Every structure is written in C-alpha cells, then in structure tokens.
Amino acid sequence: MLTQALLLALPFLTQAVAQGAYGEKSTTTKTTAAAATTISASSAIHTVQVGLGGLNFAPNSLTAAIGDQIEFHFASPDHSVAEGSSSNPCRPSGDSAFYSGFVKPGGEPFTVTVNSTHPMWFYCTAVGHCQAGMVGVINPSSGETAAEYANAAGKTSKSPSQPKVQGGVFAAANARGSSGGGSTGGASTTSAASAASNSAASPTPTPGSATRVSAMGVLGFMGLSVPLGYVVFAGF
C-alpha cells in the first residue's frame, strides 16, 4: 500500500524538486547583480591644476584606469588643455582629441573620462606654453615621461588645437572615487555596498528545504503519514 501511494505521488514530488532548483538560480542572480554594482562604483577621480603658479600642470604625470575621470581645474587665465600626439608634440593626436578651449579660472573643471590605458599626452595651446614645458601625460609608459615630452616640445614652433571644444564636459566628475585631491566618492560607494547588503539580507529558501516541505505537503494532502526517512530523492 505504501509503495503504491509513493508511486502515485511521484509526479508531484518531481515538480517539487524542480521548484527547489529554481529557487537556487534566483539566489545566484541576486548575488551576481550585487557584485556588478560594486565593481561599477570603483572608478576614481583625479584632479589636475592648470597654470597653478606658472606654466605647468600639477601633477603633470598620473596613472588612471579605464572609466576614471580627470578634472582639469584652471587656476589662472589664458590656459587650455588639449590631447596631444606622442610622436608630434604640441599638436592634436587626432580628430577626436579632447580640447577645452581657453578657460577662465574659478569655473567648473573640464572633465575627461579615460577610455584606454595607453599613454595620453596633453598640453596647453597658448602661444609658447607647450614649448615652455606646459605638458603632461596620463598613463606614461616606462620609456616615455612627461620630462622627455617637454624636452621634445621645446623644439617645436607652434601649438595648434582643435577648432572647437570637444572630448570632455565642464562639470565636476561623478563622485565614484578619489585620487590626487579630487572629490570623494563615499556616497556612490556606500550605495553600492548597501545594494549588495540588501541582496545578501534577503533570504531565499534552499532547494533541499523547499523540496522537503513540498513533498510532505503532497503526501499529507493524499492522507498519508510517512516518515521523512522513507522519502529519498536527490537534493533532500
């Protein structure tokens, strides 16, 4: 009699096992989403002062990851920042090279987002400034430095620029990190941590427990009282 009842209940028990497995997939999805949110909050903000105390960028050499943002703060008038060519100093690196135009001090910074780990050179387009050493580099290679670029720039005679402002925005960077005295990223980092915490705090029944409850419910509905030890399925 018991064997016959168990055979009749088998389809219902199989469905209960499948539902338990589905619950495990849901937990994995929540964990993955939380991890992705945390990673996206790791970008940093780097600050570069333009013309602070002379014809210079401070710092004139920095390392940044893809997704990091560079804020160029203009400390004195008659300066600009333009993306330059490594092989042809004091000239734009290409049609898409960033250019701020001449910026008055005290306004919003010119912010550029880093999209490559390759060296990115920059210079001031004011007459004679690049030749005087007002240059810098993001992610310099071991064989190229800002000092070497400045030395090569001193041998040029002109500092052309793009015909219009492009490649950046006049606004403070999104606060997702900090570097070089830039804005802090506590708010966004905290939000990411909170999202991960909330996902972790929401319990999801394990496949085994959900299946046990469903199985016993099916047997109970059929009017059978069966010790749990008689019900043997994978995942219990």
Protein backbone atom coordinates (compact mmCIF):
# COMPACT_ATOMS: atom_id res chain seq x y z
CA MET A 1 0.00 0.00 0.00
CA LEU A 2 2.78 2.43 0.95
CA THR A 3 4.74 1.63 -2.21
CA GLN A 4 1.66 2.21 -4.40
CA ALA A 5 0.96 5.58 -2.70
CA LEU A 6 4.52 6.72 -3.24
CA LEU A 7 4.32 5.82 -6.93
CA LEU A 8 1.13 7.86 -7.28
CA ALA A 9 2.80 10.84 -5.57
CA LEU A 10 5.96 10.66 -7.72
CA PRO A 11 4.85 13.27 -10.35
CA PHE A 12 4.05 15.79 -7.62
CA LEU A 13 7.36 15.16 -5.86
CA THR A 14 9.29 15.62 -9.13
CA GLN A 15 7.65 19.00 -9.62
CA ALA A 16 8.60 20.00 -6.06
CA VAL A 17 12.26 19.13 -6.75
CA ALA A 18 12.21 21.30 -9.89
CA GLN A 19 10.77 24.24 -7.95
CA GLY A 20 13.54 23.89 -5.37
CA ALA A 21 16.21 24.08 -8.08
CA TYR A 22 14.59 27.24 -9.47
CA GLY A 23 14.97 28.91 -6.09
CA GLU A 24 18.74 28.31 -6.18
CA LYS A 25 19.03 30.06 -9.59
CA SER A 26 17.25 33.13 -8.22
CA THR A 27 19.79 33.42 -5.39
CA THR A 28 22.72 33.26 -7.85
CA THR A 29 21.20 36.05 -9.98
CA LYS A 30 20.86 38.38 -6.99
CA THR A 31 24.46 37.77 -5.91
CA THR A 32 25.82 38.45 -9.42
CA ALA A 33 23.87 41.71 -9.72
CA ALA A 34 25.22 42.94 -6.38
CA ALA A 35 28.80 42.16 -7.42
CA ALA A 36 28.41 44.08 -10.70
CA THR A 37 27.09 47.12 -8.83
CA THR A 38 30.09 47.10 -6.51
CA ILE A 39 32.58 46.88 -9.40
CA SER A 40 30.97 49.80 -11.26
CA ALA A 41 31.46 52.01 -8.19
CA SER A 42 35.25 51.60 -8.13
CA SER A 43 36.19 54.34 -10.66
CA ALA A 44 38.32 57.21 -9.34
CA ILE A 45 38.50 60.97 -9.87
CA HIS A 46 41.88 62.61 -10.49
CA THR A 47 42.47 66.36 -10.18
CA VAL A 48 44.95 68.31 -12.31
CA GLN A 49 45.59 72.00 -11.59
CA VAL A 50 46.17 74.07 -14.73
CA GLY A 51 48.53 77.06 -14.50
CA LEU A 52 48.89 76.96 -10.73
CA GLY A 53 51.91 79.18 -10.00
CA GLY A 54 53.29 79.14 -13.54
CA LEU A 55 53.24 77.39 -16.90
CA ASN A 56 52.52 73.90 -15.64
CA PHE A 57 50.05 71.14 -14.97
CA ALA A 58 50.07 69.78 -11.43
CA PRO A 59 50.55 66.89 -11.43
CA ASN A 60 51.94 66.54 -14.95
CA SER A 61 52.02 62.74 -14.79
CA LEU A 62 49.36 60.39 -13.40
CA THR A 63 48.08 56.85 -13.71
CA ALA A 64 44.38 56.18 -14.28
CA ALA A 65 42.23 53.16 -15.05
CA ILE A 66 39.62 52.86 -17.76
CA GLY A 67 36.49 54.64 -16.53
CA ASP A 68 38.40 57.03 -14.25
CA GLN A 69 37.73 60.74 -14.69
CA ILE A 70 40.27 63.57 -14.92
CA GLU A 71 39.22 67.01 -13.69
CA PHE A 72 41.28 69.90 -15.10
CA HIS A 73 40.89 72.88 -12.75
CA PHE A 74 42.02 76.21 -14.23
CA ALA A 75 43.86 78.26 -11.62
CA SER A 76 44.86 81.19 -13.86
CA PRO A 77 43.63 82.71 -17.15
CA ASP A 78 44.89 82.23 -20.71
CA HIS A 79 45.30 78.47 -20.50
CA SER A 80 43.77 75.45 -22.19
CA VAL A 81 44.25 71.69 -22.22
CA ALA A 82 44.42 69.65 -25.41
CA GLU A 83 45.15 65.99 -26.09
CA GLY A 84 48.47 65.76 -27.90
CA SER A 85 50.41 63.40 -30.11
CA SER A 86 53.32 61.43 -28.67
CA SER A 87 55.25 61.48 -31.93
CA ASN A 88 54.43 65.10 -32.79
CA PRO A 89 54.40 67.20 -29.59
CA CYS A 90 52.21 70.30 -29.23
CA ARG A 91 49.76 69.07 -31.85
CA PRO A 92 46.39 67.29 -31.54
CA SER A 93 46.59 63.49 -31.51
CA GLY A 94 43.68 63.21 -33.96
CA ASP A 95 40.26 64.50 -34.94
CA SER A 96 38.69 63.10 -31.76
CA ALA A 97 41.34 64.51 -29.38
CA PHE A 98 39.87 66.38 -26.41
CA TYR A 99 40.17 70.17 -26.19
CA SER A 100 38.89 72.56 -23.51
CA GLY A 101 39.36 75.88 -25.26
CA PHE A 102 40.66 78.81 -23.19
CA VAL A 103 39.03 78.76 -19.78
CA LYS A 104 38.62 81.46 -17.14
CA PRO A 105 39.67 80.45 -13.61
CA GLY A 106 37.12 79.73 -10.90
CA GLY A 107 34.56 77.94 -13.06
CA GLU A 108 33.63 74.30 -13.44
CA PRO A 109 36.50 71.93 -14.24
CA PHE A 110 36.93 70.41 -17.68
CA THR A 111 36.36 66.70 -17.08
CA VAL A 112 37.62 63.92 -19.34
CA THR A 113 36.84 60.20 -18.96
CA VAL A 114 39.72 57.78 -19.52
CA ASN A 115 38.86 55.12 -22.12
CA SER A 116 42.27 53.50 -22.62
CA THR A 117 45.33 52.52 -20.61
CA HIS A 118 47.65 53.71 -23.38
CA PRO A 119 49.63 56.93 -22.76
CA MET A 120 47.53 60.06 -23.25
CA TRP A 121 49.53 63.27 -23.68
CA PHE A 122 48.16 66.76 -23.12
CA TYR A 123 49.41 70.33 -23.49
CA CYS A 124 48.39 73.99 -23.31
CA THR A 125 47.70 75.57 -26.72
CA ALA A 126 48.53 79.15 -25.69
CA VAL A 127 51.39 80.63 -27.72
CA GLY A 128 54.71 79.39 -26.36
CA HIS A 129 53.25 77.49 -23.38
CA CYS A 130 53.73 73.98 -24.75
CA GLN A 131 57.26 74.89 -25.87
CA ALA A 132 57.95 76.15 -22.35
CA GLY A 133 57.11 72.75 -20.88
CA MET A 134 53.40 73.10 -20.09
CA VAL A 135 52.63 69.47 -20.93
CA GLY A 136 51.55 66.30 -19.13
CA VAL A 137 50.71 62.64 -19.57
CA ILE A 138 48.17 60.12 -18.34
CA ASN A 139 49.44 56.52 -18.05
CA PRO A 140 53.03 57.09 -19.19
CA SER A 141 54.95 54.06 -20.44
CA SER A 142 58.30 53.04 -18.98
CA GLY A 143 60.15 54.53 -21.94
CA GLU A 144 58.29 57.85 -22.14
CA THR A 145 57.96 60.50 -19.44
CA ALA A 146 56.49 63.98 -19.15
CA ALA A 147 60.04 65.39 -18.93
CA GLU A 148 61.03 63.75 -22.22
CA TYR A 149 57.85 65.01 -23.87
CA ALA A 150 58.53 68.54 -22.60
CA ASN A 151 62.06 68.37 -23.99
CA ALA A 152 60.72 67.36 -27.42
CA ALA A 153 58.02 70.05 -27.22
CA GLY A 154 60.69 72.71 -26.71
CA LYS A 155 61.96 72.02 -30.21
CA THR A 156 58.61 72.83 -31.87
CA SER A 157 57.41 76.26 -33.00
CA LYS A 158 53.59 76.06 -32.95
CA SER A 159 50.80 74.71 -30.73
CA PRO A 160 47.69 74.22 -32.88
CA SER A 161 44.44 72.95 -31.38
CA GLN A 162 41.08 71.54 -32.38
CA PRO A 163 38.67 74.05 -33.97
CA LYS A 164 36.12 73.54 -31.19
CA VAL A 165 35.72 72.31 -27.62
CA GLN A 166 35.22 68.54 -27.53
CA GLY A 167 36.02 65.29 -25.73
CA GLY A 168 35.02 66.46 -22.25
CA VAL A 169 32.42 68.34 -20.21
CA PHE A 170 32.52 71.41 -17.99
CA ALA A 171 31.22 69.80 -14.82
CA ALA A 172 32.51 68.08 -11.72
CA ALA A 173 33.08 64.37 -12.19
CA ASN A 174 30.65 61.83 -10.79
CA ALA A 175 31.80 61.12 -7.24
CA ARG A 176 32.74 57.42 -7.53
CA GLY A 177 36.22 57.51 -6.01
CA SER A 178 39.10 59.90 -5.31
CA SER A 179 42.73 60.49 -6.27
CA GLY A 180 45.14 63.40 -6.22
CA GLY A 181 42.94 65.57 -4.02
CA GLY A 182 39.81 65.07 -6.14
CA SER A 183 36.24 64.74 -4.95
CA THR A 184 35.44 61.86 -2.67
CA GLY A 185 33.20 59.02 -3.75
CA GLY A 186 31.69 57.99 -0.43
CA ALA A 187 28.05 58.45 -1.45
CA SER A 188 28.08 56.20 -4.50
CA THR A 189 30.36 53.63 -2.88
CA THR A 190 28.02 53.46 0.11
CA SER A 191 25.02 52.99 -2.18
CA ALA A 192 26.74 50.09 -3.92
CA ALA A 193 27.60 48.48 -0.60
CA SER A 194 24.02 48.98 0.57
CA ALA A 195 22.64 47.32 -2.56
CA ALA A 196 24.92 44.34 -2.04
CA SER A 197 23.94 44.16 1.63
CA ASN A 198 20.23 44.25 0.84
CA SER A 199 20.60 41.42 -1.66
CA ALA A 200 22.54 39.35 0.86
CA ALA A 201 19.99 40.05 3.62
CA SER A 202 17.03 38.75 1.62
CA PRO A 203 16.94 35.00 2.39
CA THR A 204 15.95 32.56 -0.34
CA PRO A 205 14.87 29.04 0.65
CA THR A 206 17.42 26.37 -0.23
CA PRO A 207 16.44 23.70 -2.78
CA GLY A 208 16.53 20.96 -0.15
CA SER A 209 14.26 22.68 2.38
CA ALA A 210 11.73 23.80 -0.24
CA THR A 211 11.54 20.31 -1.71
CA ARG A 212 11.08 18.64 1.69
CA VAL A 213 8.18 20.95 2.55
CA SER A 214 6.54 20.43 -0.85
CA ALA A 215 6.96 16.65 -0.70
CA MET A 216 5.47 16.32 2.77
CA GLY A 217 2.62 18.63 1.73
CA VAL A 218 1.77 16.37 -1.21
CA LEU A 219 1.78 13.23 0.93
CA GLY A 220 -0.27 14.94 3.61
CA PHE A 221 -2.83 16.02 1.04
CA MET A 222 -3.20 12.40 0.00
CA GLY A 223 -3.95 11.42 3.60
CA LEU A 224 -0.68 9.59 4.12
CA SER A 225 1.52 9.78 7.18
CA VAL A 226 5.01 8.79 6.01
CA PRO A 227 8.25 9.24 7.99
CA LEU A 228 10.68 11.53 6.19
CA GLY A 229 13.26 8.74 6.02
CA TYR A 230 11.09 6.83 3.50
CA VAL A 231 11.15 9.72 1.02
CA VAL A 232 14.52 9.56 -0.70
CA PHE A 233 15.18 11.96 -3.56
CA ALA A 234 18.27 13.88 -4.77
CA GLY A 235 18.52 17.24 -3.05
CA PHE A 236 16.75 16.22 0.23
